[in-house]
Each structure stands twice: as structure tokens, then as C-alpha cells.
């Protein structure tokens, strides 16, 4: 049985007010580092993972490093966990994207399964990448507990697959920074035991 503990990176600039972050490097804020320490402590106490895999983006690498240190396990990057490529929309605010391409902006929020970002990716491509991450982990670590550190979009794509939900349900799944999800893969079956569990970061606030 493989247990996958899925988390999101800690807080970064561009979450509030929201921007299309994607492949832009945005380091953890002071709050993000505190969240990373909190999720690391909880994972170390409850799961004791054998390995940590992270998106290659710095915010995930830094979050994964905190988890690795707390757990005494190695961490490595996994390209399949990289954030969605927003293309021309990267680092735009929501208002900027709406003003530039109102029809496409509406499509993203109303029918995300029909959307491709100009010069970027579609949800179908994101799902294909993240499915490969689950397969790889299940093959490499069929009896271990592993941690995956991803992004809001990546974690949603992973959970949609594990829950057999359609791409149109993308917006139904919330993922707070450093929230926890627990997925078990055994005998060809996937079970989701926990989604967006954020009790360990309650009370943490930005001092900015």
C-alpha cells in the first residue's frame, strides 16, 4: 500500500490579491515559511514519510526542504508536479486578465475544461502530467508513505483524478497553502482519506 500525503506550498506574493502565478518564481513569504514549518511538524509526527517529491518551482522546493528536514527524509524535484503554464497570462491580476480577454476569462471560470491559456497549457495537459506523477510514485514506492508538494492547480488536478470527478469540477476543490490531503493506493484502488486539512496552520497570520 502506498500512502501519498499531498500538500501545497506555503504562502507567496500573488495569492492575495490574486495573480496568475504559474511558472513565475515567487519565494515564500514570512507567513509561507511559518506554514511550511507547521506542515512539516505535522507530517513528521503523523506519517514519517520515506521520501518527498516537489514541483521544481522554488516555493515548493523550499516547502519540501522544511518537510525533509523535519522527517529526516530526502527530497527531490518531480517535473510532473510543476504549476500550470499560464502563458501570456502569467503574473496578470484577475482584473488585468478580464480586461484584456473578457470572453476567455469568463470561460476559465465557467467551463475550465474548455480553456487553453494563450501560449500556455490546458487542464487536459495538466491532468496528464499529474497522472504520471501518481503512477511514478506508486511504481517507485508501492509500500511507502511519500509526500508530494505541489500547487493549487496541480493538487486540484490530482484530486479530480483520485475522486473520479470531471474537469468541469475544477473549482469545487479548495487547497489552502500547506493544507494536507491523504491518498492511499492499494491493489489497483485509490482512496482519498483527507482533503484540504489545514488545522495545523490555523492561527498563523501574516505580519505584513
Protein backbone atom coordinates (compact mmCIF):
# COMPACT_ATOMS: atom_id res chain seq x y z
CA UNK A 1 0.00 0.00 0.00
CA UNK A 2 1.34 3.43 -0.97
CA UNK A 3 0.23 6.46 1.01
CA UNK A 4 0.52 9.85 -0.69
CA UNK A 5 0.47 12.92 1.53
CA UNK A 6 -0.26 15.79 -0.83
CA UNK A 7 0.33 19.38 0.23
CA UNK A 8 0.58 22.79 -1.36
CA UNK A 9 3.50 25.19 -0.97
CA UNK A 10 3.33 27.94 1.64
CA UNK A 11 2.07 31.47 1.14
CA UNK A 12 3.68 33.61 -1.57
CA UNK A 13 3.13 37.04 -3.06
CA UNK A 14 0.34 36.90 -5.62
CA UNK A 15 -2.11 34.80 -3.61
CA UNK A 16 -3.87 37.83 -2.08
CA UNK A 17 -4.61 39.87 -4.12
CA UNK A 18 -4.63 37.05 -6.62
CA UNK A 19 -2.43 36.82 -9.70
CA UNK A 20 -1.89 34.06 -12.25
CA UNK A 21 1.40 32.87 -10.76
CA UNK A 22 2.20 29.73 -12.76
CA UNK A 23 5.88 29.36 -13.64
CA UNK A 24 6.95 32.70 -12.17
CA UNK A 25 9.37 32.28 -9.28
CA UNK A 26 7.79 33.66 -6.11
CA UNK A 27 9.64 32.84 -2.87
CA UNK A 28 7.82 32.00 0.33
CA UNK A 29 6.85 34.97 2.45
CA UNK A 30 7.43 35.04 6.21
CA UNK A 31 3.93 33.57 6.59
CA UNK A 32 4.72 30.93 3.97
CA UNK A 33 7.83 29.83 5.85
CA UNK A 34 5.84 29.57 9.08
CA UNK A 35 3.23 27.47 7.27
CA UNK A 36 5.96 25.23 5.86
CA UNK A 37 7.37 24.63 9.34
CA UNK A 38 3.89 23.85 10.67
CA UNK A 39 3.04 21.34 7.96
CA UNK A 40 6.49 19.78 8.29
CA UNK A 41 5.99 19.23 12.01
CA UNK A 42 2.59 17.64 11.48
CA UNK A 43 3.77 15.34 8.70
CA UNK A 44 6.76 14.24 10.78
CA UNK A 45 4.53 13.46 13.77
CA UNK A 46 1.77 11.61 11.90
CA UNK A 47 3.20 9.98 8.75
CA UNK A 48 7.01 9.72 8.88
CA UNK A 49 7.41 9.62 5.07
CA UNK A 50 10.19 7.79 3.25
CA UNK A 51 10.57 10.42 0.50
CA UNK A 52 9.44 13.88 -0.56
CA UNK A 53 8.81 14.90 -4.18
CA UNK A 54 8.27 18.55 -5.09
CA UNK A 55 7.49 20.73 -8.05
CA UNK A 56 10.68 22.29 -9.43
CA UNK A 57 9.39 25.76 -8.53
CA UNK A 58 11.33 27.37 -5.68
CA UNK A 59 8.29 27.83 -3.42
CA UNK A 60 7.65 24.08 -3.49
CA UNK A 61 11.33 23.18 -3.14
CA UNK A 62 11.57 25.39 -0.04
CA UNK A 63 8.40 23.89 1.46
CA UNK A 64 9.67 20.40 0.68
CA UNK A 65 13.04 21.16 2.28
CA UNK A 66 11.32 22.06 5.56
CA UNK A 67 9.41 18.77 5.45
CA UNK A 68 12.53 16.79 4.58
CA UNK A 69 14.45 18.31 7.49
CA UNK A 70 11.65 17.57 9.96
CA UNK A 71 11.22 13.99 8.70
CA UNK A 72 14.84 13.06 8.09
CA UNK A 73 13.96 12.04 4.52
CA UNK A 74 15.35 13.02 1.15
CA UNK A 75 13.62 15.47 -1.18
CA UNK A 76 13.81 15.64 -4.97
CA UNK A 77 12.02 17.56 -7.69
CA UNK A 78 9.47 15.96 -10.00
CA UNK A 79 8.74 17.92 -13.22
CA UNK A 80 5.25 16.42 -13.46
CA UNK A 81 4.28 18.46 -10.39
CA UNK A 82 5.16 21.81 -11.96
CA UNK A 83 2.49 24.50 -11.88
CA UNK A 84 0.18 25.02 -14.84
CA UNK A 85 1.66 27.20 -17.58
CA UNK A 86 -0.49 30.32 -17.78
CA UNK A 87 1.36 31.52 -20.87
CA UNK A 88 0.61 35.16 -21.67
CA UNK A 89 -1.49 35.47 -18.52
CA UNK A 90 1.39 34.78 -16.13
CA UNK A 91 1.54 37.33 -13.29
CA UNK A 92 -1.51 39.20 -14.53
CA UNK A 93 -4.05 40.15 -11.90
CA UNK A 94 -7.60 38.88 -12.34
CA UNK A 95 -8.73 42.36 -13.35
CA UNK A 96 -5.97 42.61 -15.96
CA UNK A 97 -6.88 39.26 -17.50
CA UNK A 98 -10.59 40.13 -17.53
CA UNK A 99 -9.96 43.47 -19.22
CA UNK A 100 -7.61 42.01 -21.85
CA UNK A 101 -9.68 38.95 -22.84
CA UNK A 102 -13.13 39.00 -21.25
CA UNK A 103 -14.57 36.02 -23.16
CA UNK A 104 -11.59 33.79 -22.38
CA UNK A 105 -11.59 34.95 -18.77
CA UNK A 106 -15.26 34.00 -18.40
CA UNK A 107 -14.56 30.60 -19.96
CA UNK A 108 -11.86 29.88 -17.39
CA UNK A 109 -14.27 30.32 -14.51
CA UNK A 110 -17.40 28.90 -16.14
CA UNK A 111 -16.09 25.99 -18.25
CA UNK A 112 -12.41 25.46 -17.33
CA UNK A 113 -12.35 22.13 -19.18
CA UNK A 114 -12.67 24.07 -22.45
CA UNK A 115 -9.88 26.54 -21.71
CA UNK A 116 -6.34 26.81 -23.01
CA UNK A 117 -4.25 29.72 -21.80
CA UNK A 118 -2.78 31.79 -24.64
CA UNK A 119 0.72 30.41 -25.16
CA UNK A 120 0.21 28.06 -22.21
CA UNK A 121 -1.45 24.83 -21.12
CA UNK A 122 -4.92 23.35 -20.88
CA UNK A 123 -6.35 21.42 -17.94
CA UNK A 124 -6.16 18.25 -20.05
CA UNK A 125 -2.38 18.66 -20.30
CA UNK A 126 -2.11 19.38 -16.60
CA UNK A 127 -4.11 16.25 -15.73
CA UNK A 128 -1.92 14.10 -17.98
CA UNK A 129 1.20 15.37 -16.23
CA UNK A 130 -0.12 14.87 -12.72
CA UNK A 131 -1.45 11.40 -13.54
CA UNK A 132 2.09 10.48 -14.48
CA UNK A 133 3.27 11.69 -11.05
CA UNK A 134 0.84 9.34 -9.27
CA UNK A 135 1.91 6.44 -11.49
CA UNK A 136 5.59 7.12 -10.89
CA UNK A 137 5.21 7.31 -7.12
CA UNK A 138 3.08 4.15 -6.97
CA UNK A 139 5.69 2.28 -9.01
CA UNK A 140 8.75 3.58 -7.16
CA UNK A 141 7.29 3.40 -3.65
CA UNK A 142 4.50 0.78 -3.66
CA UNK A 143 4.68 0.22 0.11
CA UNK A 144 5.92 3.58 1.36
CA UNK A 145 4.48 6.86 2.52
CA UNK A 146 5.59 9.76 0.34
CA UNK A 147 4.90 13.49 0.32
CA UNK A 148 4.08 15.43 -2.83
CA UNK A 149 4.45 19.22 -2.70
CA UNK A 150 2.52 20.88 -5.49
CA UNK A 151 0.48 23.92 -6.43
CA UNK A 152 -3.18 24.88 -6.24
CA UNK A 153 -3.81 23.81 -9.84
CA UNK A 154 -1.69 20.66 -9.59
CA UNK A 155 -3.35 19.48 -6.38
CA UNK A 156 -6.80 20.09 -7.80
CA UNK A 157 -5.89 18.06 -10.90
CA UNK A 158 -4.57 15.20 -8.77
CA UNK A 159 -7.64 15.14 -6.56
CA UNK A 160 -10.05 15.30 -9.51
CA UNK A 161 -8.47 12.11 -10.84
CA UNK A 162 -8.41 10.33 -7.48
CA UNK A 163 -12.07 11.23 -6.83
CA UNK A 164 -13.20 10.38 -10.40
CA UNK A 165 -14.53 13.90 -10.85
CA UNK A 166 -14.75 15.68 -14.23
CA UNK A 167 -12.54 18.59 -15.20
CA UNK A 168 -15.61 20.82 -15.03
CA UNK A 169 -15.48 20.34 -11.23
CA UNK A 170 -12.08 22.06 -11.01
CA UNK A 171 -13.36 24.99 -8.96
CA UNK A 172 -15.11 22.80 -6.37
CA UNK A 173 -11.87 21.76 -4.68
CA UNK A 174 -10.11 24.20 -2.38
CA UNK A 175 -6.44 23.92 -1.45
CA UNK A 176 -5.11 26.31 1.15
CA UNK A 177 -1.34 26.90 1.36
CA UNK A 178 0.25 23.94 3.19
CA UNK A 179 -3.09 22.15 3.62
CA UNK A 180 -2.95 18.34 3.67
CA UNK A 181 -4.60 15.67 1.55
CA UNK A 182 -4.15 11.94 2.12
CA UNK A 183 -4.43 9.40 -0.71
CA UNK A 184 -3.98 5.63 -0.44
CA UNK A 185 -3.15 3.44 -3.44
CA UNK A 186 -3.54 -0.32 -2.87
CA UNK A 187 -4.44 -3.30 -5.08
CA UNK A 188 -5.24 -1.06 -8.01
CA UNK A 189 -7.66 1.05 -5.97
CA UNK A 190 -7.33 4.70 -4.99
CA UNK A 191 -8.97 6.05 -1.85
CA UNK A 192 -8.95 9.66 -0.65
CA UNK A 193 -8.94 9.85 3.14
CA UNK A 194 -8.40 13.57 3.69
CA UNK A 195 -8.86 16.79 1.66
CA UNK A 196 -7.67 20.35 2.42
CA UNK A 197 -6.96 19.66 6.10
CA UNK A 198 -5.46 22.92 7.37
CA UNK A 199 -5.84 22.66 11.15
CA UNK A 200 -2.06 22.86 11.67
CA UNK A 201 -1.86 26.34 10.11
CA UNK A 202 -4.87 27.83 11.87
CA UNK A 203 -3.88 30.95 13.77
CA UNK A 204 -0.90 31.74 11.54
CA UNK A 205 -1.21 35.25 10.13
CA UNK A 206 0.95 37.50 8.01
CA UNK A 207 2.68 40.30 9.91
CA UNK A 208 2.80 42.44 6.79
